[in-house]
Amino acid sequence: MEVRRAANEELRSLRGASTEVDSDATEAHAKDRILALSRYAFKKVPDAPLGEVLKRKLKRRAEGAAGRKSR
């Protein structure tokens, strides 16, 4: 999605410009920007196992409840 947005931004700059605009330079700039974005693209990482997450949440709740006063 980020790559498509970057390409569309470059193309929008051509839309309002006159015909004298160097479309080859704009295309090259768009390709460079897309290449740079794809190198640093978001990568998914695996989640923690559900059992570990639940243990951590229960521990945090217990620690938080010990320090609070009941209303």
Protein backbone atom coordinates (compact mmCIF):
# COMPACT_ATOMS: atom_id res chain seq x y z
CA MET A 1 0.00 0.00 0.00
CA GLU A 2 2.84 2.36 0.85
CA VAL A 3 4.52 1.66 -2.49
CA ARG A 4 1.30 2.35 -4.41
CA ARG A 5 0.82 5.60 -2.50
CA ALA A 6 4.34 6.74 -3.37
CA ALA A 7 3.81 5.98 -7.06
CA ASN A 8 0.48 7.82 -7.07
CA GLU A 9 2.06 10.89 -5.49
CA GLU A 10 4.57 11.07 -8.32
CA LEU A 11 1.85 10.63 -10.93
CA ARG A 12 -0.32 13.33 -9.31
CA SER A 13 2.55 15.78 -9.72
CA LEU A 14 2.32 15.20 -13.49
CA ARG A 15 -1.44 15.70 -13.65
CA GLY A 16 -1.45 19.42 -12.90
CA ALA A 17 1.78 20.22 -14.75
CA SER A 18 2.15 21.40 -18.31
CA THR A 19 3.22 19.12 -21.16
CA GLU A 20 6.80 20.41 -20.90
CA VAL A 21 7.40 18.35 -17.77
CA ASP A 22 10.01 15.65 -18.25
CA SER A 23 7.96 12.50 -17.77
CA ASP A 24 11.04 10.27 -18.02
CA ALA A 25 12.66 12.02 -15.06
CA THR A 26 9.45 11.74 -13.05
CA GLU A 27 9.19 8.04 -13.88
CA ALA A 28 12.80 7.48 -12.84
CA HIS A 29 12.22 9.36 -9.59
CA ALA A 30 9.11 7.27 -8.89
CA LYS A 31 11.00 4.03 -9.54
CA ASP A 32 13.83 5.13 -7.24
CA ARG A 33 11.37 5.99 -4.49
CA ILE A 34 9.52 2.68 -4.87
CA LEU A 35 12.80 0.76 -4.75
CA ALA A 36 13.86 2.57 -1.58
CA LEU A 37 10.48 1.91 0.05
CA SER A 38 10.50 -1.77 -0.85
CA ARG A 39 13.89 -2.22 0.83
CA TYR A 40 12.52 -0.97 4.13
CA ALA A 41 9.03 -2.41 3.77
CA PHE A 42 7.07 -3.66 6.75
CA LYS A 43 7.79 -7.26 7.57
CA LYS A 44 5.55 -9.42 9.68
CA VAL A 45 6.97 -11.19 12.71
CA PRO A 46 5.38 -14.17 14.42
CA ASP A 47 3.30 -13.53 17.52
CA ALA A 48 4.10 -14.86 20.96
CA PRO A 49 2.31 -18.07 21.93
CA LEU A 50 -1.12 -17.41 23.44
CA GLY A 51 -0.28 -19.22 26.69
CA GLU A 52 2.70 -16.92 27.36
CA VAL A 53 0.69 -13.80 26.58
CA LEU A 54 -2.11 -14.83 28.93
CA LYS A 55 0.33 -15.63 31.75
CA ARG A 56 1.98 -12.23 31.35
CA LYS A 57 -1.38 -10.42 31.36
CA LEU A 58 -2.62 -12.27 34.44
CA LYS A 59 0.64 -11.51 36.25
CA ARG A 60 0.39 -7.81 35.35
CA ARG A 61 -3.24 -7.69 36.53
CA ALA A 62 -2.34 -9.33 39.83
CA GLU A 63 0.52 -6.88 40.41
CA GLY A 64 -1.71 -3.92 39.57
CA ALA A 65 -4.54 -5.09 41.82
CA ALA A 66 -2.20 -5.49 44.80
CA GLY A 67 -1.21 -1.84 44.67
CA ARG A 68 -4.73 -0.37 44.34
CA LYS A 69 -7.22 0.44 47.01
CA SER A 70 -10.67 -1.01 46.56
CA ARG A 71 -13.50 1.49 46.19
